[in-house]
Full PDB file with SEQRES, HELIX, SHEET, SSBOND, CRYST1, ORIGX, SCALE, CONECT and MASTER records, all heavy atoms in Angstrom:
SEQRES   1 A   34  VAL GLU ARG LEU GLU MET CYS HIS VAL LEU VAL THR GLY          
SEQRES   2 A   34  GLU ASP ASP PHE LEU GLY GLU HIS ALA SER ASP HIS LEU          
SEQRES   3 A   34  ALA VAL THR ALA GLU PHE GLY LEU                              
HELIX    1 AA1 GLU A   14  ASP A   16  5                                   3    
HELIX    2 AA2 GLY A   19  HIS A   21  5                                   3    
SHEET    1 AA1 2 LEU A   4  LEU A  10  0                                        
SHEET    2 AA1 2 ALA A  27  PHE A  32 -1                                        
CRYST1    1.000    1.000    1.000  90.00  90.00  90.00 P 1           1          
ORIGX1      1.000000  0.000000  0.000000        0.00000                         
ORIGX2      0.000000  1.000000  0.000000        0.00000                         
ORIGX3      0.000000  0.000000  1.000000        0.00000                         
SCALE1      1.000000  0.000000  0.000000        0.00000                         
SCALE2      0.000000  1.000000  0.000000        0.00000                         
SCALE3      0.000000  0.000000  1.000000        0.00000                         
ATOM      1  N   VAL A   1     195.374 138.562  73.913  1.00  0.00           N  
ATOM      2  CA  VAL A   1     195.989 137.232  73.929  1.00  0.00           C  
ATOM      3  C   VAL A   1     196.422 136.833  75.336  1.00  0.00           C  
ATOM      4  O   VAL A   1     196.246 135.691  75.763  1.00  0.00           O  
ATOM      5  CB  VAL A   1     197.188 137.172  72.950  1.00  0.00           C  
ATOM      6  CG1 VAL A   1     197.938 135.852  73.108  1.00  0.00           C  
ATOM      7  CG2 VAL A   1     196.719 137.338  71.544  1.00  0.00           C  
ATOM      8  N   GLU A   2     196.994 137.774  76.096  1.00  0.00           N  
ATOM      9  CA  GLU A   2     197.477 137.450  77.448  1.00  0.00           C  
ATOM     10  C   GLU A   2     196.316 137.137  78.382  1.00  0.00           C  
ATOM     11  O   GLU A   2     196.534 136.596  79.458  1.00  0.00           O  
ATOM     12  CB  GLU A   2     198.295 138.597  77.987  1.00  0.00           C  
ATOM     13  CG  GLU A   2     197.520 139.902  78.151  1.00  0.00           C  
ATOM     14  CD  GLU A   2     198.416 141.046  78.633  1.00  0.00           C  
ATOM     15  OE1 GLU A   2     199.628 140.985  78.370  1.00  0.00           O  
ATOM     16  OE2 GLU A   2     197.866 141.980  79.215  1.00  0.00           O  
ATOM     17  N   ARG A   3     195.098 137.467  77.982  1.00  0.00           N  
ATOM     18  CA  ARG A   3     193.912 137.176  78.814  1.00  0.00           C  
ATOM     19  C   ARG A   3     193.193 135.904  78.347  1.00  0.00           C  
ATOM     20  O   ARG A   3     192.154 135.552  78.885  1.00  0.00           O  
ATOM     21  CB  ARG A   3     192.946 138.341  78.808  1.00  0.00           C  
ATOM     22  CG  ARG A   3     193.507 139.597  79.478  1.00  0.00           C  
ATOM     23  CD  ARG A   3     192.543 140.770  79.322  1.00  0.00           C  
ATOM     24  NE  ARG A   3     193.029 141.936  80.053  1.00  0.00           N  
ATOM     25  CZ  ARG A   3     192.649 142.275  81.276  1.00  0.00           C  
ATOM     26  NH1 ARG A   3     191.773 141.522  81.913  1.00  0.00           N  
ATOM     27  NH2 ARG A   3     193.126 143.354  81.848  1.00  0.00           N  
ATOM     28  N   LEU A   4     193.709 135.252  77.300  1.00  0.00           N  
ATOM     29  CA  LEU A   4     193.070 134.057  76.771  1.00  0.00           C  
ATOM     30  C   LEU A   4     193.242 132.886  77.761  1.00  0.00           C  
ATOM     31  O   LEU A   4     194.358 132.504  78.084  1.00  0.00           O  
ATOM     32  CB  LEU A   4     193.681 133.672  75.429  1.00  0.00           C  
ATOM     33  CG  LEU A   4     193.174 132.404  74.760  1.00  0.00           C  
ATOM     34  CD1 LEU A   4     191.682 132.497  74.451  1.00  0.00           C  
ATOM     35  CD2 LEU A   4     193.988 132.109  73.505  1.00  0.00           C  
ATOM     36  N   GLU A   5     192.130 132.344  78.244  1.00  0.00           N  
ATOM     37  CA  GLU A   5     192.184 131.286  79.246  1.00  0.00           C  
ATOM     38  C   GLU A   5     191.808 129.910  78.671  1.00  0.00           C  
ATOM     39  O   GLU A   5     192.289 128.894  79.112  1.00  0.00           O  
ATOM     40  CB  GLU A   5     191.258 131.611  80.401  1.00  0.00           C  
ATOM     41  CG  GLU A   5     191.670 132.827  81.228  1.00  0.00           C  
ATOM     42  CD  GLU A   5     190.792 133.045  82.427  1.00  0.00           C  
ATOM     43  OE1 GLU A   5     189.631 132.563  82.431  1.00  0.00           O  
ATOM     44  OE2 GLU A   5     191.246 133.695  83.388  1.00  0.00           O  
ATOM     45  N   MET A   6     190.910 129.896  77.657  1.00  0.00           N  
ATOM     46  CA  MET A   6     190.424 128.631  77.145  1.00  0.00           C  
ATOM     47  C   MET A   6     189.947 128.827  75.705  1.00  0.00           C  
ATOM     48  O   MET A   6     189.408 129.854  75.350  1.00  0.00           O  
ATOM     49  CB  MET A   6     189.254 128.140  78.023  1.00  0.00           C  
ATOM     50  CG  MET A   6     188.613 126.855  77.525  1.00  0.00           C  
ATOM     51  SD  MET A   6     187.328 127.096  76.269  1.00  0.00           S  
ATOM     52  CE  MET A   6     186.031 127.847  77.253  1.00  0.00           C  
ATOM     53  N   CYS A   7     190.166 127.803  74.898  1.00  0.00           N  
ATOM     54  CA  CYS A   7     189.578 127.770  73.555  1.00  0.00           C  
ATOM     55  C   CYS A   7     189.499 126.308  73.101  1.00  0.00           C  
ATOM     56  O   CYS A   7     190.507 125.580  73.146  1.00  0.00           O  
ATOM     57  CB  CYS A   7     190.448 128.563  72.565  1.00  0.00           C  
ATOM     58  SG  CYS A   7     189.734 128.668  70.885  1.00  0.00           S  
ATOM     59  N   HIS A   8     188.327 125.878  72.720  1.00  0.00           N  
ATOM     60  CA  HIS A   8     188.192 124.498  72.215  1.00  0.00           C  
ATOM     61  C   HIS A   8     187.013 124.375  71.279  1.00  0.00           C  
ATOM     62  O   HIS A   8     186.183 125.268  71.162  1.00  0.00           O  
ATOM     63  CB  HIS A   8     188.076 123.489  73.369  1.00  0.00           C  
ATOM     64  CG  HIS A   8     186.847 123.662  74.210  1.00  0.00           C  
ATOM     65  ND1 HIS A   8     186.866 124.252  75.458  1.00  0.00           N  
ATOM     66  CD2 HIS A   8     185.553 123.299  73.994  1.00  0.00           C  
ATOM     67  CE1 HIS A   8     185.660 124.261  75.961  1.00  0.00           C  
ATOM     68  NE2 HIS A   8     184.845 123.677  75.103  1.00  0.00           N  
ATOM     69  N   VAL A   9     186.957 123.249  70.582  1.00  0.00           N  
ATOM     70  CA  VAL A   9     185.894 122.940  69.627  1.00  0.00           C  
ATOM     71  C   VAL A   9     184.796 122.183  70.361  1.00  0.00           C  
ATOM     72  O   VAL A   9     185.074 121.247  71.094  1.00  0.00           O  
ATOM     73  CB  VAL A   9     186.432 122.095  68.451  1.00  0.00           C  
ATOM     74  CG1 VAL A   9     185.304 121.729  67.479  1.00  0.00           C  
ATOM     75  CG2 VAL A   9     187.537 122.854  67.711  1.00  0.00           C  
ATOM     76  N   LEU A  10     183.565 122.603  70.147  1.00  0.00           N  
ATOM     77  CA  LEU A  10     182.420 121.977  70.828  1.00  0.00           C  
ATOM     78  C   LEU A  10     181.901 120.815  69.980  1.00  0.00           C  
ATOM     79  O   LEU A  10     181.104 121.016  69.045  1.00  0.00           O  
ATOM     80  CB  LEU A  10     181.314 123.008  71.050  1.00  0.00           C  
ATOM     81  CG  LEU A  10     181.618 124.117  72.063  1.00  0.00           C  
ATOM     82  CD1 LEU A  10     180.497 125.146  72.071  1.00  0.00           C  
ATOM     83  CD2 LEU A  10     181.776 123.525  73.451  1.00  0.00           C  
ATOM     84  N   VAL A  11     182.337 119.625  70.322  1.00  0.00           N  
ATOM     85  CA  VAL A  11     181.833 118.423  69.634  1.00  0.00           C  
ATOM     86  C   VAL A  11     180.466 118.054  70.164  1.00  0.00           C  
ATOM     87  O   VAL A  11     179.571 117.617  69.428  1.00  0.00           O  
ATOM     88  CB  VAL A  11     182.821 117.259  69.819  1.00  0.00           C  
ATOM     89  CG1 VAL A  11     182.299 116.007  69.138  1.00  0.00           C  
ATOM     90  CG2 VAL A  11     184.187 117.624  69.276  1.00  0.00           C  
ATOM     91  N   THR A  12     180.275 118.247  71.475  1.00  0.00           N  
ATOM     92  CA  THR A  12     178.966 118.015  72.106  1.00  0.00           C  
ATOM     93  C   THR A  12     178.625 119.220  72.971  1.00  0.00           C  
ATOM     94  O   THR A  12     179.511 119.896  73.486  1.00  0.00           O  
ATOM     95  CB  THR A  12     178.935 116.752  72.953  1.00  0.00           C  
ATOM     96  OG1 THR A  12     179.947 116.862  73.983  1.00  0.00           O  
ATOM     97  CG2 THR A  12     179.194 115.513  72.120  1.00  0.00           C  
ATOM     98  N   GLY A  13     177.326 119.456  73.159  1.00  0.00           N  
ATOM     99  CA  GLY A  13     176.895 120.545  74.027  1.00  0.00           C  
ATOM    100  C   GLY A  13     176.223 119.997  75.267  1.00  0.00           C  
ATOM    101  O   GLY A  13     176.518 118.885  75.715  1.00  0.00           O  
ATOM    102  N   GLU A  14     175.328 120.792  75.816  1.00  0.00           N  
ATOM    103  CA  GLU A  14     174.616 120.367  77.005  1.00  0.00           C  
ATOM    104  C   GLU A  14     173.759 119.133  76.710  1.00  0.00           C  
ATOM    105  O   GLU A  14     173.253 118.952  75.608  1.00  0.00           O  
ATOM    106  CB  GLU A  14     173.717 121.496  77.503  1.00  0.00           C  
ATOM    107  CG  GLU A  14     174.494 122.713  78.008  1.00  0.00           C  
ATOM    108  CD  GLU A  14     173.575 123.797  78.547  1.00  0.00           C  
ATOM    109  OE1 GLU A  14     172.353 123.545  78.618  1.00  0.00           O  
ATOM    110  OE2 GLU A  14     174.075 124.880  78.901  1.00  0.00           O  
ATOM    111  N   ASP A  15     173.661 118.280  77.706  1.00  0.00           N  
ATOM    112  CA  ASP A  15     172.882 117.018  77.577  1.00  0.00           C  
ATOM    113  C   ASP A  15     173.396 116.169  76.439  1.00  0.00           C  
ATOM    114  O   ASP A  15     172.619 115.448  75.786  1.00  0.00           O  
ATOM    115  CB  ASP A  15     171.384 117.334  77.381  1.00  0.00           C  
ATOM    116  CG  ASP A  15     170.793 118.113  78.556  1.00  0.00           C  
ATOM    117  OD1 ASP A  15     171.201 117.845  79.709  1.00  0.00           O  
ATOM    118  OD2 ASP A  15     169.958 118.974  78.308  1.00  0.00           O  
ATOM    119  N   ASP A  16     174.708 116.257  76.164  1.00  0.00           N  
ATOM    120  CA  ASP A  16     175.357 115.467  75.098  1.00  0.00           C  
ATOM    121  C   ASP A  16     174.734 115.703  73.720  1.00  0.00           C  
ATOM    122  O   ASP A  16     174.756 114.823  72.851  1.00  0.00           O  
ATOM    123  CB  ASP A  16     175.276 113.972  75.451  1.00  0.00           C  
ATOM    124  CG  ASP A  16     176.124 113.633  76.657  1.00  0.00           C  
ATOM    125  OD1 ASP A  16     177.172 114.271  76.859  1.00  0.00           O  
ATOM    126  OD2 ASP A  16     175.740 112.718  77.426  1.00  0.00           O  
ATOM    127  N   PHE A  17     174.196 116.897  73.501  1.00  0.00           N  
ATOM    128  CA  PHE A  17     173.663 117.251  72.186  1.00  0.00           C  
ATOM    129  C   PHE A  17     174.820 117.364  71.205  1.00  0.00           C  
ATOM    130  O   PHE A  17     175.765 118.115  71.415  1.00  0.00           O  
ATOM    131  CB  PHE A  17     172.913 118.596  72.273  1.00  0.00           C  
ATOM    132  CG  PHE A  17     172.230 118.967  71.002  1.00  0.00           C  
ATOM    133  CD1 PHE A  17     170.983 118.463  70.667  1.00  0.00           C  
ATOM    134  CD2 PHE A  17     172.818 119.855  70.104  1.00  0.00           C  
ATOM    135  CE1 PHE A  17     170.338 118.817  69.498  1.00  0.00           C  
ATOM    136  CE2 PHE A  17     172.191 120.226  68.929  1.00  0.00           C  
ATOM    137  CZ  PHE A  17     170.931 119.702  68.634  1.00  0.00           C  
ATOM    138  N   LEU A  18     174.754 116.608  70.118  1.00  0.00           N  
ATOM    139  CA  LEU A  18     175.863 116.559  69.173  1.00  0.00           C  
ATOM    140  C   LEU A  18     175.949 117.826  68.334  1.00  0.00           C  
ATOM    141  O   LEU A  18     174.946 118.360  67.850  1.00  0.00           O  
ATOM    142  CB  LEU A  18     175.698 115.366  68.232  1.00  0.00           C  
ATOM    143  CG  LEU A  18     175.776 113.981  68.888  1.00  0.00           C  
ATOM    144  CD1 LEU A  18     175.515 112.886  67.848  1.00  0.00           C  
ATOM    145  CD2 LEU A  18     177.135 113.773  69.575  1.00  0.00           C  
ATOM    146  N   GLY A  19     177.191 118.326  68.187  1.00  0.00           N  
ATOM    147  CA  GLY A  19     177.402 119.534  67.411  1.00  0.00           C  
ATOM    148  C   GLY A  19     176.942 119.379  65.972  1.00  0.00           C  
ATOM    149  O   GLY A  19     176.514 120.357  65.333  1.00  0.00           O  
ATOM    150  N   GLU A  20     177.071 118.180  65.429  1.00  0.00           N  
ATOM    151  CA  GLU A  20     176.658 117.971  64.026  1.00  0.00           C  
ATOM    152  C   GLU A  20     175.171 118.124  63.826  1.00  0.00           C  
ATOM    153  O   GLU A  20     174.691 118.300  62.707  1.00  0.00           O  
ATOM    154  CB  GLU A  20     177.095 116.598  63.551  1.00  0.00           C  
ATOM    155  CG  GLU A  20     176.407 115.441  64.275  1.00  0.00           C  
ATOM    156  CD  GLU A  20     176.918 114.093  63.794  1.00  0.00           C  
ATOM    157  OE1 GLU A  20     176.364 113.579  62.793  1.00  0.00           O  
ATOM    158  OE2 GLU A  20     177.875 113.575  64.385  1.00  0.00           O  
ATOM    159  N   HIS A  21     174.376 118.060  64.905  1.00  0.00           N  
ATOM    160  CA  HIS A  21     172.956 118.277  64.793  1.00  0.00           C  
ATOM    161  C   HIS A  21     172.563 119.735  64.873  1.00  0.00           C  
ATOM    162  O   HIS A  21     171.419 120.100  64.601  1.00  0.00           O  
ATOM    163  CB  HIS A  21     172.218 117.491  65.920  1.00  0.00           C  
ATOM    164  CG  HIS A  21     172.341 116.023  65.791  1.00  0.00           C  
ATOM    165  ND1 HIS A  21     172.041 115.152  66.800  1.00  0.00           N  
ATOM    166  CD2 HIS A  21     172.739 115.248  64.742  1.00  0.00           C  
ATOM    167  CE1 HIS A  21     172.251 113.891  66.394  1.00  0.00           C  
ATOM    168  NE2 HIS A  21     172.680 113.938  65.157  1.00  0.00           N  
ATOM    169  N   ALA A  22     173.520 120.580  65.239  1.00  0.00           N  
ATOM    170  CA  ALA A  22     173.265 122.017  65.334  1.00  0.00           C  
ATOM    171  C   ALA A  22     173.648 122.769  64.070  1.00  0.00           C  
ATOM    172  O   ALA A  22     173.038 123.779  63.735  1.00  0.00           O  
ATOM    173  CB  ALA A  22     174.024 122.594  66.534  1.00  0.00           C  
ATOM    174  N   SER A  23     174.670 122.260  63.372  1.00  0.00           N  
ATOM    175  CA  SER A  23     175.178 122.982  62.201  1.00  0.00           C  
ATOM    176  C   SER A  23     176.016 122.051  61.367  1.00  0.00           C  
ATOM    177  O   SER A  23     176.393 120.962  61.808  1.00  0.00           O  
ATOM    178  CB  SER A  23     176.020 124.181  62.656  1.00  0.00           C  
ATOM    179  OG  SER A  23     176.690 124.779  61.555  1.00  0.00           O  
ATOM    180  N   ASP A  24     176.351 122.487  60.151  1.00  0.00           N  
ATOM    181  CA  ASP A  24     177.266 121.699  59.322  1.00  0.00           C  
ATOM    182  C   ASP A  24     178.725 121.962  59.726  1.00  0.00           C  
ATOM    183  O   ASP A  24     179.639 121.333  59.208  1.00  0.00           O  
ATOM    184  CB  ASP A  24     177.056 121.988  57.845  1.00  0.00           C  
ATOM    185  CG  ASP A  24     177.233 123.440  57.505  1.00  0.00           C  
ATOM    186  OD1 ASP A  24     176.940 124.298  58.356  1.00  0.00           O  
ATOM    187  OD2 ASP A  24     177.661 123.753  56.356  1.00  0.00           O  
ATOM    188  N   HIS A  25     178.935 122.906  60.665  1.00  0.00           N  
ATOM    189  CA  HIS A  25     180.263 123.158  61.252  1.00  0.00           C  
ATOM    190  C   HIS A  25     180.176 122.960  62.759  1.00  0.00           C  
ATOM    191  O   HIS A  25     179.137 123.217  63.365  1.00  0.00           O  
ATOM    192  CB  HIS A  25     180.738 124.616  61.011  1.00  0.00           C  
ATOM    193  CG  HIS A  25     180.988 124.945  59.573  1.00  0.00           C  
ATOM    194  ND1 HIS A  25     182.128 125.598  59.158  1.00  0.00           N  
ATOM    195  CD2 HIS A  25     180.258 124.744  58.469  1.00  0.00           C  
ATOM    196  CE1 HIS A  25     182.089 125.772  57.854  1.00  0.00           C  
ATOM    197  NE2 HIS A  25     180.937 125.272  57.418  1.00  0.00           N  
ATOM    198  N   LEU A  26     181.279 122.535  63.367  1.00  0.00           N  
ATOM    199  CA  LEU A  26     181.361 122.493  64.832  1.00  0.00           C  
ATOM    200  C   LEU A  26     181.725 123.875  65.343  1.00  0.00           C  
ATOM    201  O   LEU A  26     182.546 124.584  64.724  1.00  0.00           O  
ATOM    202  CB  LEU A  26     182.405 121.488  65.280  1.00  0.00           C  
ATOM    203  CG  LEU A  26     182.122 120.014  64.940  1.00  0.00           C  
ATOM    204  CD1 LEU A  26     183.310 119.143  65.349  1.00  0.00           C  
ATOM    205  CD2 LEU A  26     180.850 119.537  65.628  1.00  0.00           C  
ATOM    206  N   ALA A  27     181.134 124.253  66.454  1.00  0.00           N  
ATOM    207  CA  ALA A  27     181.395 125.575  67.015  1.00  0.00           C  
ATOM    208  C   ALA A  27     182.729 125.618  67.727  1.00  0.00           C  
ATOM    209  O   ALA A  27     183.232 124.626  68.227  1.00  0.00           O  
ATOM    210  CB  ALA A  27     180.264 125.941  67.982  1.00  0.00           C  
ATOM    211  N   VAL A  28     183.295 126.820  67.763  1.00  0.00           N  
ATOM    212  CA  VAL A  28     184.525 127.077  68.525  1.00  0.00           C  
ATOM    213  C   VAL A  28     184.213 128.080  69.609  1.00  0.00           C  
ATOM    214  O   VAL A  28     183.504 129.067  69.388  1.00  0.00           O  
ATOM    215  CB  VAL A  28     185.654 127.638  67.606  1.00  0.00           C  
ATOM    216  CG1 VAL A  28     186.952 127.817  68.392  1.00  0.00           C  
ATOM    217  CG2 VAL A  28     185.861 126.735  66.413  1.00  0.00           C  
ATOM    218  N   THR A  29     184.707 127.821  70.817  1.00  0.00           N  
ATOM    219  CA  THR A  29     184.440 128.716  71.933  1.00  0.00           C  
ATOM    220  C   THR A  29     185.746 129.133  72.604  1.00  0.00           C  
ATOM    221  O   THR A  29     186.741 128.385  72.572  1.00  0.00           O  
ATOM    222  CB  THR A  29     183.500 128.052  72.970  1.00  0.00           C  
ATOM    223  OG1 THR A  29     183.223 128.998  74.033  1.00  0.00           O  
ATOM    224  CG2 THR A  29     184.148 126.826  73.557  1.00  0.00           C  
ATOM    225  N   ALA A  30     185.744 130.334  73.190  1.00  0.00           N  
ATOM    226  CA  ALA A  30     186.951 130.827  73.885  1.00  0.00           C  
ATOM    227  C   ALA A  30     186.512 131.636  75.106  1.00  0.00           C  
ATOM    228  O   ALA A  30     185.424 132.201  75.125  1.00  0.00           O  
ATOM    229  CB  ALA A  30     187.823 131.657  72.970  1.00  0.00           C  
ATOM    230  N   GLU A  31     187.369 131.687  76.102  1.00  0.00           N  
ATOM    231  CA  GLU A  31     187.150 132.516  77.275  1.00  0.00           C  
ATOM    232  C   GLU A  31     188.344 133.437  77.483  1.00  0.00           C  
ATOM    233  O   GLU A  31     189.491 133.009  77.393  1.00  0.00           O  
ATOM    234  CB  GLU A  31     186.932 131.662  78.528  1.00  0.00           C  
ATOM    235  CG  GLU A  31     185.622 130.904  78.533  1.00  0.00           C  
ATOM    236  CD  GLU A  31     185.394 130.133  79.831  1.00  0.00           C  
ATOM    237  OE1 GLU A  31     186.251 130.226  80.732  1.00  0.00           O  
ATOM    238  OE2 GLU A  31     184.399 129.410  79.922  1.00  0.00           O  
ATOM    239  N   PHE A  32     188.027 134.697  77.812  1.00  0.00           N  
ATOM    240  CA  PHE A  32     189.064 135.682  78.112  1.00  0.00           C  
ATOM    241  C   PHE A  32     188.826 136.240  79.507  1.00  0.00           C  
ATOM    242  O   PHE A  32     187.688 136.369  79.944  1.00  0.00           O  
ATOM    243  CB  PHE A  32     189.026 136.841  77.100  1.00  0.00           C  
ATOM    244  CG  PHE A  32     189.297 136.433  75.682  1.00  0.00           C  
ATOM    245  CD1 PHE A  32     188.287 135.947  74.859  1.00  0.00           C  
ATOM    246  CD2 PHE A  32     190.582 136.498  75.176  1.00  0.00           C  
ATOM    247  CE1 PHE A  32     188.524 135.577  73.562  1.00  0.00           C  
ATOM    248  CE2 PHE A  32     190.845 136.098  73.868  1.00  0.00           C  
ATOM    249  CZ  PHE A  32     189.813 135.647  73.070  1.00  0.00           C  
ATOM    250  N   GLY A  33     189.886 136.552  80.215  1.00  0.00           N  
ATOM    251  CA  GLY A  33     189.754 137.107  81.557  1.00  0.00           C  
ATOM    252  C   GLY A  33     191.043 136.883  82.321  1.00  0.00           C  
ATOM    253  O   GLY A  33     192.054 136.459  81.781  1.00  0.00           O  
ATOM    254  N   LEU A  34     191.003 137.168  83.602  1.00  0.00           N  
ATOM    255  CA  LEU A  34     192.131 136.892  84.496  1.00  0.00           C  
ATOM    256  C   LEU A  34     191.599 136.043  85.628  1.00  0.00           C  
ATOM    257  O   LEU A  34     190.661 136.436  86.333  1.00  0.00           O  
ATOM    258  CB  LEU A  34     192.761 138.159  85.030  1.00  0.00           C  
ATOM    259  CG  LEU A  34     193.520 139.011  83.998  1.00  0.00           C  
ATOM    260  CD1 LEU A  34     194.065 140.275  84.657  1.00  0.00           C  
ATOM    261  CD2 LEU A  34     194.691 138.214  83.417  1.00  0.00           C  
TER     262      LEU A  34                                                      
MASTER        0    0    0    2    2    0    0    6  261    1    0    3          
END                                                                             
């Protein structure tokens, strides 16, 4: 937890590709590190 830097829901991806076109759920992403 102390290394958690970012976490968000991917509504759009690269080139504005809509998350709804990839799956019936939006993806969640997180980054850990210092």
